[in-house]
Amino acid sequence: MSTDPDRIIFVDDEEDVRRANRQSLELDGFTVEAFDSAEPALRAILAAPPGVVVTDVRLPGLDGIGLFEAIAEADPDLPVILITGHGDIRMAVRAMRAGAYDFLAKPYPADQLVGSVRRALERRRLVTENRALRASLDAALADDPAFLGVSPEVVRLRQLVRDVAQADVDVLVLGETGSGKEVVANALHRWSRRARGHFVALNCGAMPDSVVESELFGHEAGAFTGALKRRVGRIEHAHRGTLFLDEIESMPLGLQVKFLRVLQERAVEPLGTNEIRPVDIRVVAATKVDLQQAAAQGTFRDDLYYRLNVVSVAIPPLRERREDVMLLFEHFLARAAERFNREAPAVTQAVRDHLRRHDWPGNVRELGHFAERYALGFAQIEAPAAGTARALSLAEQMDRHERALIREELIAAGGDVRLAAEALGTPRKTLYDKLTRHGLDPTQYR
């Protein structure tokens, strides 16, 4: 029995009809299994679900309508095309209202059968892809909700963070506001051998310059006015764990010199004492600016930049992984509904259009807040003004889907166009044309 999920099962009790239709479908490239009755066809379908089922309505024993009903009970998304005589058309229409995909009235030309099967198979593929998408989402949630998504970018990010976590090196996390830099830093800690130690976070941009040094290095009693008792600094508290410094670009230049020494010597000297205390820490620093450019402008020390940038992890902005927006929104909406103890509202077409066309400059954080407002009934959806952004057309959505598939294969092939073309089953010249049209550069994936 074939296990090809795109195969066609054709059921008709007339041998000549089976042979002729099977030949028509096979000449068009389909794999076909033919049966003369419904019962063995149903067993084959349940054992290995096909892409499409085509069945005559009038069959000995279990008829075509009964076969459709049995299939619908087992897999309501499996397309069933009914072949009918003139007197069976009303019955076929009722079956379509119950979920049958299509019906063909005898006599029908071969191209009509082939066209209906091709469209049904495409719908089946979309359903299968959506199932795989949902399975990937469930797996991502089970694995770690922090990296929710199925786009090639987030899949690659998840694997990169896992690999880097085991290396126990200092890491520089790059990402826009709201993209999840602390989430990545926390995952680097939890997935590392330091998971039992402390994860100590400090936002350098949220602390006044007057207290940042004390927060980082700690102090002894009497080290300065108001220092009434000894305080362990964040660096020392992160001993055998992870120190996360967000907005590292905001660290004062004078403090950068002292912190560079900590990175080099893995030791800390609290304020008010000459005692040097060894520390075993991993440093994860995060920034939303180009530190190399900041170093060139003199606002950040270049030696500290190079010392921090042992390994860098870049978080893609949400606008570059739009495949994940709807999944993320559904997750945030369900979480918000549970938090607010209310039923999640239905997602309207206006909301779907907004999710598709908005660029999300605040990234995942902005999307999460929007989901919370929507759960509470406070979200305002503004219709796009004339001449501005609109919901994507079908052609535009197909283009975007094609670009995502090509990019995913390029990533898997390490930028090798020949291997990507083979995986996609397309001529290399055709793929080069598509690369140009979609603005994809294979060298970026090597």
Protein backbone atom coordinates (compact mmCIF):
# COMPACT_ATOMS: atom_id res chain seq x y z
CA MET A 1 0.00 0.00 0.00
CA SER A 2 1.37 3.42 -0.96
CA THR A 3 2.21 5.84 1.84
CA ASP A 4 2.35 8.88 -0.48
CA PRO A 5 0.19 11.52 1.29
CA ASP A 6 -0.54 13.12 -2.11
CA ARG A 7 -1.91 9.95 -3.69
CA ILE A 8 -5.44 9.75 -5.07
CA ILE A 9 -7.90 7.01 -4.17
CA PHE A 10 -10.43 6.36 -6.92
CA VAL A 11 -13.50 4.18 -6.28
CA ASP A 12 -15.83 2.89 -9.02
CA ASP A 13 -17.35 -0.55 -9.59
CA GLU A 14 -17.01 -0.33 -13.40
CA GLU A 15 -13.62 -1.61 -14.55
CA ASP A 16 -13.53 0.48 -17.74
CA VAL A 17 -14.31 3.66 -15.81
CA ARG A 18 -11.62 2.89 -13.23
CA ARG A 19 -9.02 2.19 -15.90
CA ALA A 20 -9.80 5.31 -17.97
CA ASN A 21 -9.88 7.70 -15.00
CA ARG A 22 -6.79 6.19 -13.43
CA GLN A 23 -4.93 6.66 -16.71
CA SER A 24 -6.06 10.30 -17.00
CA LEU A 25 -4.85 11.09 -13.48
CA GLU A 26 -1.56 9.22 -13.83
CA LEU A 27 -0.79 10.97 -17.12
CA ASP A 28 -1.06 14.21 -15.17
CA GLY A 29 1.50 13.00 -12.64
CA PHE A 30 -0.75 11.74 -9.83
CA THR A 31 -0.28 8.49 -7.92
CA VAL A 32 -3.57 6.58 -8.00
CA GLU A 33 -4.97 3.58 -6.12
CA ALA A 34 -8.20 2.24 -7.62
CA PHE A 35 -10.89 0.18 -5.84
CA ASP A 36 -14.09 -1.45 -7.08
CA SER A 37 -15.98 -1.02 -3.78
CA ALA A 38 -16.06 1.27 -0.74
CA GLU A 39 -15.12 -1.17 2.04
CA PRO A 40 -11.50 -1.95 0.93
CA ALA A 41 -11.06 1.69 -0.08
CA LEU A 42 -12.07 2.82 3.43
CA ARG A 43 -9.60 0.39 5.01
CA ALA A 44 -6.82 1.81 2.81
CA ILE A 45 -7.83 5.37 3.68
CA LEU A 46 -7.81 4.72 7.43
CA ALA A 47 -4.49 2.88 7.23
CA ALA A 48 -2.70 5.62 5.25
CA PRO A 49 -4.70 8.81 4.59
CA PRO A 50 -4.44 9.93 0.94
CA GLY A 51 -4.52 13.44 -0.48
CA VAL A 52 -7.92 13.17 -2.18
CA VAL A 53 -10.69 10.57 -2.52
CA VAL A 54 -12.77 10.34 -5.70
CA THR A 55 -15.77 8.00 -5.49
CA ASP A 56 -18.83 7.11 -7.50
CA VAL A 57 -22.06 7.59 -5.55
CA ARG A 58 -23.60 4.30 -6.69
CA LEU A 59 -21.54 1.38 -5.40
CA PRO A 60 -22.40 -2.17 -4.28
CA GLY A 61 -22.63 -2.49 -0.51
CA LEU A 62 -21.56 0.76 1.15
CA ASP A 63 -22.36 3.52 -1.36
CA GLY A 64 -20.36 6.66 -2.09
CA ILE A 65 -22.35 8.83 0.33
CA GLY A 66 -21.77 6.28 3.10
CA LEU A 67 -18.05 6.26 2.26
CA PHE A 68 -17.98 10.07 2.42
CA GLU A 69 -19.71 10.04 5.83
CA ALA A 70 -17.24 7.46 7.19
CA ILE A 71 -14.31 9.54 5.90
CA ALA A 72 -15.78 12.75 7.34
CA GLU A 73 -16.05 11.11 10.75
CA ALA A 74 -12.43 9.94 10.66
CA ASP A 75 -10.88 13.02 8.98
CA PRO A 76 -13.27 15.89 8.13
CA ASP A 77 -10.49 17.75 6.28
CA LEU A 78 -9.88 14.98 3.73
CA PRO A 79 -11.37 16.20 0.39
CA VAL A 80 -13.92 13.85 -1.17
CA ILE A 81 -15.05 14.31 -4.78
CA LEU A 82 -18.31 12.54 -5.70
CA ILE A 83 -19.11 11.18 -9.17
CA THR A 84 -22.83 11.26 -9.87
CA GLY A 85 -25.36 10.30 -12.47
CA HIS A 86 -28.03 12.82 -13.39
CA GLY A 87 -30.44 11.49 -10.78
CA ASP A 88 -27.89 11.75 -7.96
CA ILE A 89 -27.04 15.46 -8.28
CA ARG A 90 -29.39 16.60 -5.48
CA MET A 91 -27.87 13.98 -3.20
CA ALA A 92 -24.36 15.21 -4.10
CA VAL A 93 -25.31 18.84 -3.40
CA ARG A 94 -26.53 17.83 0.06
CA ALA A 95 -23.25 16.01 0.60
CA MET A 96 -21.31 19.14 -0.38
CA ARG A 97 -23.28 21.13 2.19
CA ALA A 98 -22.21 18.46 4.69
CA GLY A 99 -18.56 18.93 3.72
CA ALA A 100 -17.85 17.05 0.47
CA TYR A 101 -15.35 18.95 -1.66
CA ASP A 102 -16.90 18.69 -5.14
CA PHE A 103 -19.05 16.54 -7.42
CA LEU A 104 -18.73 15.65 -11.09
CA ALA A 105 -21.84 14.81 -13.10
CA LYS A 106 -21.47 12.05 -15.70
CA PRO A 107 -20.31 12.31 -18.37
CA TYR A 108 -17.39 14.60 -17.54
CA PRO A 109 -14.21 15.36 -19.52
CA ALA A 110 -10.87 14.15 -18.17
CA ASP A 111 -9.56 17.69 -17.68
CA GLN A 112 -12.52 18.48 -15.39
CA LEU A 113 -11.59 15.53 -13.16
CA VAL A 114 -7.89 16.47 -13.19
CA GLY A 115 -8.67 20.13 -12.38
CA SER A 116 -10.96 19.24 -9.48
CA VAL A 117 -8.42 16.77 -8.06
CA ARG A 118 -5.59 19.30 -8.37
CA ARG A 119 -7.57 21.98 -6.49
CA ALA A 120 -8.65 19.50 -3.82
CA LEU A 121 -5.07 18.31 -3.35
CA GLU A 122 -3.88 21.90 -2.94
CA ARG A 123 -6.48 22.44 -0.23
CA ARG A 124 -5.37 19.22 1.44
CA ARG A 125 -1.77 20.41 1.40
CA LEU A 126 -2.78 23.70 3.03
CA VAL A 127 -4.67 21.81 5.74
CA THR A 128 -1.66 19.55 6.30
CA GLU A 129 0.63 22.57 6.52
CA ASN A 130 -1.69 24.20 9.06
CA ARG A 131 -1.69 21.01 11.12
CA ALA A 132 2.09 20.93 11.02
CA LEU A 133 2.12 24.60 11.98
CA ARG A 134 -0.09 23.91 14.99
CA ALA A 135 2.03 20.90 15.94
CA SER A 136 5.14 23.07 15.72
CA LEU A 137 3.43 25.69 17.86
CA ASP A 138 2.52 23.10 20.48
CA ALA A 139 6.08 21.79 20.40
CA ALA A 140 7.46 25.31 20.77
CA LEU A 141 5.16 25.96 23.71
CA ALA A 142 6.17 22.69 25.34
CA ASP A 143 9.83 23.39 24.64
CA ASP A 144 9.86 27.01 25.70
CA PRO A 145 7.13 29.64 25.26
CA ALA A 146 9.81 32.31 25.05
CA PHE A 147 10.63 31.23 21.50
CA LEU A 148 7.09 30.85 20.25
CA GLY A 149 6.92 30.71 16.47
CA VAL A 150 7.53 28.55 13.44
CA SER A 151 9.30 30.95 11.07
CA PRO A 152 12.81 29.97 9.92
CA GLU A 153 14.17 32.94 11.85
CA VAL A 154 12.78 31.92 15.23
CA VAL A 155 13.60 28.23 14.67
CA ARG A 156 17.18 29.21 13.93
CA LEU A 157 17.27 31.55 16.94
CA ARG A 158 16.00 28.80 19.26
CA GLN A 159 18.71 26.39 18.10
CA LEU A 160 21.43 29.05 18.26
CA VAL A 161 20.53 29.93 21.86
CA ARG A 162 20.58 26.24 22.82
CA ASP A 163 24.01 25.79 21.25
CA VAL A 164 25.46 28.95 22.76
CA ALA A 165 24.02 28.14 26.20
CA GLN A 166 26.20 25.03 26.39
CA ALA A 167 29.37 26.90 25.39
CA ASP A 168 29.56 28.96 28.63
CA VAL A 169 30.98 32.08 26.94
CA ASP A 170 30.02 35.72 27.35
CA VAL A 171 27.27 36.73 24.93
CA LEU A 172 26.14 39.98 23.34
CA VAL A 173 22.40 39.99 22.55
CA LEU A 174 21.30 42.38 19.81
CA GLY A 175 17.69 43.35 19.28
CA GLU A 176 15.19 46.16 18.96
CA THR A 177 13.03 47.39 21.82
CA GLY A 178 10.50 44.77 22.85
CA SER A 179 12.08 41.95 20.82
CA GLY A 180 12.77 39.77 23.88
CA LYS A 181 16.42 40.32 24.81
CA GLU A 182 15.88 39.40 28.48
CA VAL A 183 13.92 36.33 27.39
CA VAL A 184 16.95 35.18 25.37
CA ALA A 185 19.30 35.95 28.26
CA ASN A 186 17.11 33.96 30.64
CA ALA A 187 17.07 31.01 28.23
CA LEU A 188 20.86 31.14 27.94
CA HIS A 189 20.94 30.77 31.72
CA ARG A 190 18.27 28.06 32.06
CA TRP A 191 19.72 25.92 29.27
CA SER A 192 23.28 26.13 30.59
CA ARG A 193 25.20 24.32 33.31
CA ARG A 194 24.69 27.44 35.44
CA ALA A 195 20.93 26.92 35.69
CA ARG A 196 21.13 26.21 39.44
CA GLY A 197 22.91 29.51 40.06
CA HIS A 198 21.34 32.97 40.18
CA PHE A 199 20.13 34.84 37.13
CA VAL A 200 20.91 38.44 38.07
CA ALA A 201 19.52 41.20 35.84
CA LEU A 202 20.38 44.89 35.84
CA ASN A 203 19.10 47.53 33.44
CA CYS A 204 21.99 49.95 33.04
CA GLY A 205 19.72 52.58 31.52
CA ALA A 206 17.25 52.53 34.42
CA MET A 207 19.79 53.17 37.20
CA PRO A 208 21.11 56.63 38.13
CA ASP A 209 24.85 56.97 37.53
CA SER A 210 25.35 57.61 41.26
CA VAL A 211 24.20 54.12 42.25
CA VAL A 212 25.16 51.93 39.28
CA GLU A 213 28.68 51.31 40.61
CA SER A 214 27.39 50.28 44.02
CA GLU A 215 24.75 48.07 42.45
CA LEU A 216 27.32 46.29 40.31
CA PHE A 217 30.30 46.00 42.65
CA GLY A 218 28.68 46.24 46.08
CA HIS A 219 30.11 48.19 49.00
CA GLU A 220 31.29 47.89 52.59
CA ALA A 221 29.67 49.74 55.49
CA GLY A 222 30.90 53.35 55.56
CA ALA A 223 32.17 53.26 51.97
CA PHE A 224 30.23 56.45 51.27
CA THR A 225 27.62 58.63 52.95
CA GLY A 226 24.52 56.54 53.57
CA ALA A 227 26.31 53.19 53.29
CA LEU A 228 25.22 51.95 56.71
CA LYS A 229 25.84 48.26 56.08
CA ARG A 230 27.64 45.94 53.70
CA ARG A 231 25.92 45.25 50.40
CA VAL A 232 26.73 42.41 48.01
CA GLY A 233 26.81 43.72 44.45
CA ARG A 234 25.05 42.20 41.45
CA ILE A 235 28.30 40.80 40.06
CA GLU A 236 29.15 38.92 43.23
CA HIS A 237 25.55 37.78 43.68
CA ALA A 238 25.74 36.18 40.20
CA HIS A 239 28.66 33.95 41.30
CA ARG A 240 28.26 30.55 39.57
CA GLY A 241 25.30 31.97 37.67
CA THR A 242 24.57 34.53 34.96
CA LEU A 243 24.82 38.33 35.05
CA PHE A 244 22.51 40.03 32.57
CA LEU A 245 23.20 43.68 31.77
CA ASP A 246 20.47 45.24 29.66
CA GLU A 247 21.06 48.50 27.76
CA ILE A 248 24.80 48.07 28.25
CA GLU A 249 25.29 51.09 26.01
CA SER A 250 24.02 53.26 28.90
CA MET A 251 26.83 52.24 31.27
CA PRO A 252 28.94 55.32 32.15
CA LEU A 253 32.36 55.39 30.47
CA GLY A 254 34.20 55.49 33.81
CA LEU A 255 32.37 52.39 34.98
CA GLN A 256 33.09 50.61 31.71
CA VAL A 257 36.82 50.60 32.59
CA LYS A 258 36.14 48.87 35.91
CA PHE A 259 33.74 46.39 34.36
CA LEU A 260 36.28 45.52 31.66
CA ARG A 261 38.69 44.55 34.43
CA VAL A 262 36.02 42.28 35.94
CA LEU A 263 35.61 40.54 32.60
CA GLN A 264 39.35 40.08 32.19
CA GLU A 265 40.18 38.94 35.74
CA ARG A 266 36.85 37.42 36.84
CA ALA A 267 37.18 39.20 40.14
CA VAL A 268 35.37 42.08 41.84
CA GLU A 269 36.53 44.77 44.25
CA PRO A 270 33.62 46.23 46.27
CA LEU A 271 33.61 49.91 47.16
CA GLY A 272 35.29 50.72 50.46
CA THR A 273 37.71 47.77 50.48
CA ASN A 274 40.90 46.60 48.78
CA GLU A 275 39.80 42.98 48.95
CA ILE A 276 39.65 41.19 45.60
CA ARG A 277 36.89 38.57 45.42
CA PRO A 278 36.96 35.96 42.62
CA VAL A 279 33.69 35.44 40.78
CA ASP A 280 32.62 32.66 38.43
CA ILE A 281 30.06 34.33 36.16
CA ARG A 282 28.79 34.33 32.67
CA VAL A 283 27.97 37.80 31.35
CA VAL A 284 25.13 38.36 28.91
CA ALA A 285 24.92 41.95 27.74
CA ALA A 286 22.10 43.33 25.62
CA THR A 287 21.85 46.40 23.45
CA LYS A 288 19.46 47.98 20.98
CA VAL A 289 22.18 50.11 19.33
CA ASP A 290 25.22 49.33 17.18
CA LEU A 291 27.99 49.16 19.81
CA GLN A 292 30.72 49.15 17.17
CA GLN A 293 29.39 52.45 15.85
CA ALA A 294 29.06 53.75 19.42
CA ALA A 295 32.70 52.80 20.00
CA ALA A 296 33.72 54.67 16.84
CA GLN A 297 31.85 57.74 18.14
CA GLY A 298 33.55 57.51 21.52
CA THR A 299 30.41 56.79 23.56
CA PHE A 300 31.37 53.19 24.26
CA ARG A 301 34.79 51.66 24.86
CA ASP A 302 35.94 49.59 21.90
CA ASP A 303 37.96 47.22 24.12
CA LEU A 304 34.86 46.48 26.19
CA TYR A 305 32.84 45.93 23.01
CA TYR A 306 35.32 43.35 21.70
CA ARG A 307 35.54 41.69 25.12
CA LEU A 308 31.75 41.37 25.35
CA ASN A 309 31.26 40.28 21.76
CA VAL A 310 32.68 36.77 22.11
CA VAL A 311 29.44 35.41 20.67
CA SER A 312 26.53 37.53 19.46
CA VAL A 313 22.86 36.55 19.19
CA ALA A 314 20.70 38.75 16.97
CA ILE A 315 16.94 38.66 17.59
CA PRO A 316 14.94 39.23 14.39
CA PRO A 317 12.29 41.96 14.64
CA LEU A 318 8.69 40.82 14.40
CA ARG A 319 8.22 42.45 11.00
CA GLU A 320 10.79 40.01 9.58
CA ARG A 321 8.94 36.92 10.83
CA ARG A 322 5.34 37.76 10.03
CA GLU A 323 4.48 34.05 9.86
CA ASP A 324 4.61 34.11 13.66
CA VAL A 325 2.35 37.12 14.29
CA MET A 326 -0.98 35.29 14.27
CA LEU A 327 0.34 32.41 16.39
CA LEU A 328 1.83 34.81 18.91
CA PHE A 329 -1.37 36.84 19.03
CA GLU A 330 -3.48 33.73 19.69
CA HIS A 331 -1.11 32.71 22.47
CA PHE A 332 -1.11 36.16 24.08
CA LEU A 333 -4.90 36.45 23.70
CA ALA A 334 -5.51 33.09 25.41
CA ARG A 335 -3.10 34.02 28.19
CA ALA A 336 -4.74 37.42 28.65
CA ALA A 337 -8.24 35.90 28.75
CA GLU A 338 -7.12 33.48 31.44
CA ARG A 339 -5.44 36.27 33.40
CA PHE A 340 -8.52 38.51 33.26
CA ASN A 341 -10.86 35.57 33.92
CA ARG A 342 -12.94 36.07 30.81
CA GLU A 343 -13.61 34.27 27.54
CA ALA A 344 -11.26 35.15 24.70
CA PRO A 345 -13.16 37.19 22.07
CA ALA A 346 -13.39 35.95 18.49
CA VAL A 347 -10.71 37.31 16.19
CA THR A 348 -12.46 39.45 13.59
CA GLN A 349 -11.31 40.01 10.03
CA ALA A 350 -10.48 43.61 10.90
CA VAL A 351 -8.08 42.38 13.59
CA ARG A 352 -6.52 39.87 11.20
CA ASP A 353 -5.97 42.63 8.65
CA HIS A 354 -4.40 44.82 11.33
CA LEU A 355 -2.10 42.00 12.44
CA ARG A 356 -0.95 41.49 8.85
CA ARG A 357 -0.36 45.10 7.85
CA HIS A 358 1.07 46.58 11.06
CA ASP A 359 4.89 46.71 11.27
CA TRP A 360 5.03 46.21 15.09
CA PRO A 361 7.85 48.65 15.92
CA GLY A 362 7.48 47.57 19.57
CA ASN A 363 7.87 43.95 18.47
CA VAL A 364 6.60 41.08 20.64
CA ARG A 365 5.99 43.37 23.63
CA GLU A 366 3.71 45.61 21.56
CA LEU A 367 1.84 42.59 20.18
CA GLY A 368 1.33 41.21 23.70
CA HIS A 369 -0.07 44.51 24.94
CA PHE A 370 -2.39 44.71 21.93
CA ALA A 371 -3.69 41.20 22.72
CA GLU A 372 -4.37 42.26 26.33
CA ARG A 373 -6.33 45.32 25.19
CA TYR A 374 -8.29 43.19 22.74
CA ALA A 375 -9.13 40.67 25.46
CA LEU A 376 -10.48 43.54 27.57
CA GLY A 377 -12.41 45.06 24.67
CA PHE A 378 -10.29 48.23 24.58
CA ALA A 379 -8.34 47.68 21.36
CA GLN A 380 -8.95 50.31 18.71
CA ILE A 381 -8.58 49.12 15.12
CA GLU A 382 -8.26 52.00 12.69
CA ALA A 383 -9.26 51.34 9.11
CA PRO A 384 -6.40 52.12 6.71
CA ALA A 385 -6.76 55.46 4.99
CA ALA A 386 -7.14 55.56 1.23
CA GLY A 387 -3.82 54.89 -0.44
CA THR A 388 -2.19 53.49 2.71
CA ALA A 389 -1.52 49.97 3.93
CA ARG A 390 -4.23 47.38 3.28
CA ALA A 391 -4.79 43.70 3.82
CA LEU A 392 -2.59 41.59 1.56
CA SER A 393 -4.13 40.16 -1.58
CA LEU A 394 -4.01 36.43 -2.24
CA ALA A 395 -1.17 36.92 -4.74
CA GLU A 396 0.82 38.93 -2.21
CA GLN A 397 0.27 36.32 0.48
CA MET A 398 1.39 33.57 -1.93
CA ASP A 399 4.49 35.60 -2.80
CA ARG A 400 5.31 36.01 0.88
CA HIS A 401 4.78 32.28 1.49
CA GLU A 402 7.01 31.39 -1.49
CA ARG A 403 9.73 33.74 -0.24
CA ALA A 404 9.59 32.14 3.23
CA LEU A 405 9.89 28.62 1.77
CA ILE A 406 12.85 29.58 -0.41
CA ARG A 407 14.58 31.33 2.49
CA GLU A 408 14.06 28.27 4.70
CA GLU A 409 15.65 25.97 2.12
CA LEU A 410 18.55 28.38 1.63
CA ILE A 411 19.17 28.29 5.37
CA ALA A 412 19.04 24.48 5.40
CA ALA A 413 21.37 24.32 2.38
CA GLY A 414 23.84 26.80 3.85
CA GLY A 415 23.31 29.19 0.95
CA ASP A 416 23.98 26.52 -1.72
CA VAL A 417 21.53 27.37 -4.53
CA ARG A 418 22.00 23.98 -6.21
CA LEU A 419 20.99 22.07 -3.06
CA ALA A 420 18.10 24.45 -2.38
CA ALA A 421 16.82 24.01 -5.96
CA GLU A 422 16.94 20.22 -5.59
CA ALA A 423 15.06 20.38 -2.26
CA LEU A 424 12.41 22.63 -3.77
CA GLY A 425 12.13 20.52 -6.93
CA THR A 426 12.67 23.50 -9.22
CA PRO A 427 15.26 24.25 -11.96
CA ARG A 428 18.23 26.26 -10.77
CA LYS A 429 17.58 29.04 -13.31
CA THR A 430 13.99 29.37 -12.08
CA LEU A 431 15.21 29.58 -8.50
CA TYR A 432 17.74 32.29 -9.42
CA ASP A 433 14.91 34.29 -11.03
CA LYS A 434 12.84 33.91 -7.85
CA LEU A 435 15.82 34.92 -5.68
CA THR A 436 16.13 38.13 -7.69
CA ARG A 437 12.37 38.81 -7.51
CA HIS A 438 12.23 38.24 -3.75
CA GLY A 439 15.47 40.13 -3.03
CA LEU A 440 17.17 37.10 -1.46
CA ASP A 441 20.97 36.88 -1.39
CA PRO A 442 22.20 33.26 -0.97
CA THR A 443 25.55 34.43 0.40
CA GLN A 444 23.80 35.71 3.53
CA TYR A 445 22.97 32.14 4.54
CA ARG A 446 26.46 30.66 4.27
